[in-house]
Amino acid sequence: MSNYGKGKSFLVKRESAPGVYTTVGGMKATAFTFNNGTLDVTDKDLPDFMQRISGGIKSMQITMSGVMKDNAQLQALLAASLAVDGSDILNFQLISGLGYKFQGMFAIEGFDASGDVGKEETWSLKLASAGDIAFTPAS
């Protein structure tokens, strides 16, 4: 058995009802970035190199793109991205083909759609963490 995860199994799911997660439909590409900020504690008494300690701001971004389908999930995400009342912050899971998982609240930072004559309509979505993110290692 291979140690490589399958891209098809690298999924983003949105909480569509309490405790129920539904895969965002039509995804072709998914990526995430995890940032672990450090604190700059350099002062004039220290050597020439910058001194940093851990404990800064952590953040996570998820990007995905795909083919637009007549899909209730995409319609809900588009509606949430237009919201101005805080309902643009939703509970998501990112599940790797290798078995690890991230879960938490994410703000919708961007929703793009495009379509060329003779081709399918495509979309892309950018999420940014909006609180603590839980990590579950592969079992």
C-alpha atoms as a PDB file:
ATOM      1  CA  MET A   1       0.000   0.000   0.000  1.00  0.00           C
ATOM      2  CA  SER A   2       1.298   3.441  -0.956  1.00  0.00           C
ATOM      3  CA  ASN A   3       2.039   6.229   1.539  1.00  0.00           C
ATOM      4  CA  TYR A   4       0.755   8.769  -0.984  1.00  0.00           C
ATOM      5  CA  GLY A   5      -2.672  10.288  -0.502  1.00  0.00           C
ATOM      6  CA  LYS A   6      -5.025  10.518  -3.437  1.00  0.00           C
ATOM      7  CA  GLY A   7      -5.905  14.020  -4.600  1.00  0.00           C
ATOM      8  CA  LYS A   8      -9.483  12.889  -5.128  1.00  0.00           C
ATOM      9  CA  SER A   9      -9.677  12.146  -1.391  1.00  0.00           C
ATOM     10  CA  PHE A  10      -8.385  15.627  -0.385  1.00  0.00           C
ATOM     11  CA  LEU A  11     -11.808  17.062   0.480  1.00  0.00           C
ATOM     12  CA  VAL A  12     -13.357  20.165   1.966  1.00  0.00           C
ATOM     13  CA  LYS A  13     -16.658  19.643   3.743  1.00  0.00           C
ATOM     14  CA  ARG A  14     -19.065  22.259   5.079  1.00  0.00           C
ATOM     15  CA  GLU A  15     -21.305  21.711   8.081  1.00  0.00           C
ATOM     16  CA  SER A  16     -24.688  21.667   6.353  1.00  0.00           C
ATOM     17  CA  ALA A  17     -26.650  20.770   9.500  1.00  0.00           C
ATOM     18  CA  PRO A  18     -25.467  20.374  13.113  1.00  0.00           C
ATOM     19  CA  GLY A  19     -22.889  17.573  13.071  1.00  0.00           C
ATOM     20  CA  VAL A  20     -23.488  16.796   9.374  1.00  0.00           C
ATOM     21  CA  TYR A  21     -20.694  17.616   6.903  1.00  0.00           C
ATOM     22  CA  THR A  22     -21.251  17.663   3.147  1.00  0.00           C
ATOM     23  CA  THR A  23     -18.475  17.742   0.549  1.00  0.00           C
ATOM     24  CA  VAL A  24     -18.298  20.984  -1.401  1.00  0.00           C
ATOM     25  CA  GLY A  25     -19.404  19.841  -4.847  1.00  0.00           C
ATOM     26  CA  GLY A  26     -17.488  20.117  -8.087  1.00  0.00           C
ATOM     27  CA  MET A  27     -13.993  20.500  -6.571  1.00  0.00           C
ATOM     28  CA  LYS A  28     -11.067  19.800  -8.851  1.00  0.00           C
ATOM     29  CA  ALA A  29      -8.258  21.372  -6.815  1.00  0.00           C
ATOM     30  CA  THR A  30      -7.799  21.906  -3.078  1.00  0.00           C
ATOM     31  CA  ALA A  31      -4.897  23.419  -1.129  1.00  0.00           C
ATOM     32  CA  PHE A  32      -4.208  24.723   2.347  1.00  0.00           C
ATOM     33  CA  THR A  33      -1.609  26.914   3.999  1.00  0.00           C
ATOM     34  CA  PHE A  34      -0.895  26.901   7.715  1.00  0.00           C
ATOM     35  CA  ASN A  35       0.957  29.897   9.146  1.00  0.00           C
ATOM     36  CA  ASN A  36       2.631  29.835  12.540  1.00  0.00           C
ATOM     37  CA  GLY A  37       3.650  33.384  13.359  1.00  0.00           C
ATOM     38  CA  THR A  38       6.544  34.117  15.646  1.00  0.00           C
ATOM     39  CA  LEU A  39       7.237  37.117  17.835  1.00  0.00           C
ATOM     40  CA  ASP A  40      10.215  39.340  17.076  1.00  0.00           C
ATOM     41  CA  VAL A  41      12.044  39.912  20.389  1.00  0.00           C
ATOM     42  CA  THR A  42      15.182  41.423  18.875  1.00  0.00           C
ATOM     43  CA  ASP A  43      16.666  44.305  20.816  1.00  0.00           C
ATOM     44  CA  LYS A  44      19.899  46.299  20.688  1.00  0.00           C
ATOM     45  CA  ASP A  45      21.631  44.116  23.294  1.00  0.00           C
ATOM     46  CA  LEU A  46      21.333  40.955  21.186  1.00  0.00           C
ATOM     47  CA  PRO A  47      23.720  39.776  18.435  1.00  0.00           C
ATOM     48  CA  ASP A  48      23.266  40.790  14.805  1.00  0.00           C
ATOM     49  CA  PHE A  49      20.673  38.125  13.940  1.00  0.00           C
ATOM     50  CA  MET A  50      16.992  38.625  14.566  1.00  0.00           C
ATOM     51  CA  GLN A  51      15.687  36.790  17.626  1.00  0.00           C
ATOM     52  CA  ARG A  52      12.271  35.145  17.490  1.00  0.00           C
ATOM     53  CA  ILE A  53      10.144  33.111  19.888  1.00  0.00           C
ATOM     54  CA  SER A  54       7.047  31.031  19.256  1.00  0.00           C
ATOM     55  CA  GLY A  55       3.650  32.090  20.460  1.00  0.00           C
ATOM     56  CA  GLY A  56       2.554  34.383  17.658  1.00  0.00           C
ATOM     57  CA  ILE A  57      -0.625  34.300  15.651  1.00  0.00           C
ATOM     58  CA  LYS A  58      -1.533  31.058  13.888  1.00  0.00           C
ATOM     59  CA  SER A  59      -3.735  31.061  10.819  1.00  0.00           C
ATOM     60  CA  MET A  60      -4.894  28.713   8.107  1.00  0.00           C
ATOM     61  CA  GLN A  61      -6.134  29.371   4.595  1.00  0.00           C
ATOM     62  CA  ILE A  62      -7.929  26.889   2.351  1.00  0.00           C
ATOM     63  CA  THR A  63      -8.353  27.435  -1.370  1.00  0.00           C
ATOM     64  CA  MET A  64     -10.336  25.291  -3.729  1.00  0.00           C
ATOM     65  CA  SER A  65     -11.626  25.466  -7.253  1.00  0.00           C
ATOM     66  CA  GLY A  66     -13.755  23.404  -9.540  1.00  0.00           C
ATOM     67  CA  VAL A  67     -16.584  23.079 -11.987  1.00  0.00           C
ATOM     68  CA  MET A  68     -19.858  24.832 -11.234  1.00  0.00           C
ATOM     69  CA  LYS A  69     -22.728  22.417 -10.814  1.00  0.00           C
ATOM     70  CA  ASP A  70     -26.343  23.021  -9.927  1.00  0.00           C
ATOM     71  CA  ASN A  71     -25.380  22.277  -6.353  1.00  0.00           C
ATOM     72  CA  ALA A  72     -27.037  23.411  -3.132  1.00  0.00           C
ATOM     73  CA  GLN A  73     -23.610  23.536  -1.402  1.00  0.00           C
ATOM     74  CA  LEU A  74     -22.227  26.025  -3.920  1.00  0.00           C
ATOM     75  CA  GLN A  75     -25.371  28.114  -3.746  1.00  0.00           C
ATOM     76  CA  ALA A  76     -25.117  28.191   0.073  1.00  0.00           C
ATOM     77  CA  LEU A  77     -21.442  29.215  -0.108  1.00  0.00           C
ATOM     78  CA  LEU A  78     -22.199  31.957  -2.605  1.00  0.00           C
ATOM     79  CA  ALA A  79     -25.013  33.254  -0.389  1.00  0.00           C
ATOM     80  CA  ALA A  80     -22.728  33.139   2.666  1.00  0.00           C
ATOM     81  CA  SER A  81     -20.003  35.033   0.795  1.00  0.00           C
ATOM     82  CA  LEU A  82     -22.483  37.846   0.142  1.00  0.00           C
ATOM     83  CA  ALA A  83     -23.642  38.002   3.777  1.00  0.00           C
ATOM     84  CA  VAL A  84     -22.886  41.024   5.937  1.00  0.00           C
ATOM     85  CA  ASP A  85     -24.294  39.679   9.203  1.00  0.00           C
ATOM     86  CA  GLY A  86     -21.502  37.284  10.215  1.00  0.00           C
ATOM     87  CA  SER A  87     -23.041  34.279   8.489  1.00  0.00           C
ATOM     88  CA  ASP A  88     -20.004  34.201   6.177  1.00  0.00           C
ATOM     89  CA  ILE A  89     -18.190  32.324   8.970  1.00  0.00           C
ATOM     90  CA  LEU A  90     -18.948  28.616   8.694  1.00  0.00           C
ATOM     91  CA  ASN A  91     -17.705  25.330  10.125  1.00  0.00           C
ATOM     92  CA  PHE A  92     -15.524  23.372   7.673  1.00  0.00           C
ATOM     93  CA  GLN A  93     -13.463  20.190   7.633  1.00  0.00           C
ATOM     94  CA  LEU A  94     -10.403  19.610   5.458  1.00  0.00           C
ATOM     95  CA  ILE A  95      -9.756  15.891   5.103  1.00  0.00           C
ATOM     96  CA  SER A  96      -6.530  14.626   3.547  1.00  0.00           C
ATOM     97  CA  GLY A  97      -6.250  11.502   1.431  1.00  0.00           C
ATOM     98  CA  LEU A  98      -3.590  10.486   3.965  1.00  0.00           C
ATOM     99  CA  GLY A  99      -6.176  10.456   6.768  1.00  0.00           C
ATOM    100  CA  TYR A 100      -5.425  13.599   8.792  1.00  0.00           C
ATOM    101  CA  LYS A 101      -8.130  16.230   9.314  1.00  0.00           C
ATOM    102  CA  PHE A 102      -8.491  19.896  10.239  1.00  0.00           C
ATOM    103  CA  GLN A 103     -11.766  21.303  11.512  1.00  0.00           C
ATOM    104  CA  GLY A 104     -12.900  24.734  12.607  1.00  0.00           C
ATOM    105  CA  MET A 105     -14.619  27.980  11.771  1.00  0.00           C
ATOM    106  CA  PHE A 106     -13.557  29.695   8.556  1.00  0.00           C
ATOM    107  CA  ALA A 107     -14.513  33.026   7.016  1.00  0.00           C
ATOM    108  CA  ILE A 108     -15.207  33.165   3.321  1.00  0.00           C
ATOM    109  CA  GLU A 109     -12.577  35.569   1.967  1.00  0.00           C
ATOM    110  CA  GLY A 110     -13.415  35.215  -1.685  1.00  0.00           C
ATOM    111  CA  PHE A 111     -15.717  33.468  -4.118  1.00  0.00           C
ATOM    112  CA  ASP A 112     -14.958  33.747  -7.833  1.00  0.00           C
ATOM    113  CA  ALA A 113     -16.813  32.321 -10.795  1.00  0.00           C
ATOM    114  CA  SER A 114     -16.019  32.464 -14.495  1.00  0.00           C
ATOM    115  CA  GLY A 115     -17.154  30.959 -17.750  1.00  0.00           C
ATOM    116  CA  ASP A 116     -15.828  30.970 -21.296  1.00  0.00           C
ATOM    117  CA  VAL A 117     -17.914  30.336 -24.391  1.00  0.00           C
ATOM    118  CA  GLY A 118     -17.854  26.625 -25.162  1.00  0.00           C
ATOM    119  CA  LYS A 119     -16.442  25.674 -21.744  1.00  0.00           C
ATOM    120  CA  GLU A 120     -17.821  24.857 -18.318  1.00  0.00           C
ATOM    121  CA  GLU A 121     -18.472  27.504 -15.664  1.00  0.00           C
ATOM    122  CA  THR A 122     -15.778  27.334 -12.989  1.00  0.00           C
ATOM    123  CA  TRP A 123     -15.478  28.672  -9.451  1.00  0.00           C
ATOM    124  CA  SER A 124     -12.866  29.218  -6.773  1.00  0.00           C
ATOM    125  CA  LEU A 125     -13.264  29.760  -3.048  1.00  0.00           C
ATOM    126  CA  LYS A 126     -10.836  31.106  -0.455  1.00  0.00           C
ATOM    127  CA  LEU A 127     -11.378  30.461   3.271  1.00  0.00           C
ATOM    128  CA  ALA A 128      -9.471  31.935   6.235  1.00  0.00           C
ATOM    129  CA  SER A 129      -9.503  30.550   9.761  1.00  0.00           C
ATOM    130  CA  ALA A 130     -11.762  32.442  12.148  1.00  0.00           C
ATOM    131  CA  GLY A 131     -10.812  30.769  15.433  1.00  0.00           C
ATOM    132  CA  ASP A 132      -9.087  27.683  16.777  1.00  0.00           C
ATOM    133  CA  ILE A 133      -8.516  24.874  14.303  1.00  0.00           C
ATOM    134  CA  ALA A 134      -8.571  21.285  15.571  1.00  0.00           C
ATOM    135  CA  PHE A 135      -6.107  18.835  14.057  1.00  0.00           C
ATOM    136  CA  THR A 136      -6.774  15.103  14.046  1.00  0.00           C
ATOM    137  CA  PRO A 137      -3.801  12.972  12.963  1.00  0.00           C
ATOM    138  CA  ALA A 138      -4.271   9.975  10.706  1.00  0.00           C
ATOM    139  CA  SER A 139      -5.163   6.834  12.612  1.00  0.00           C
END
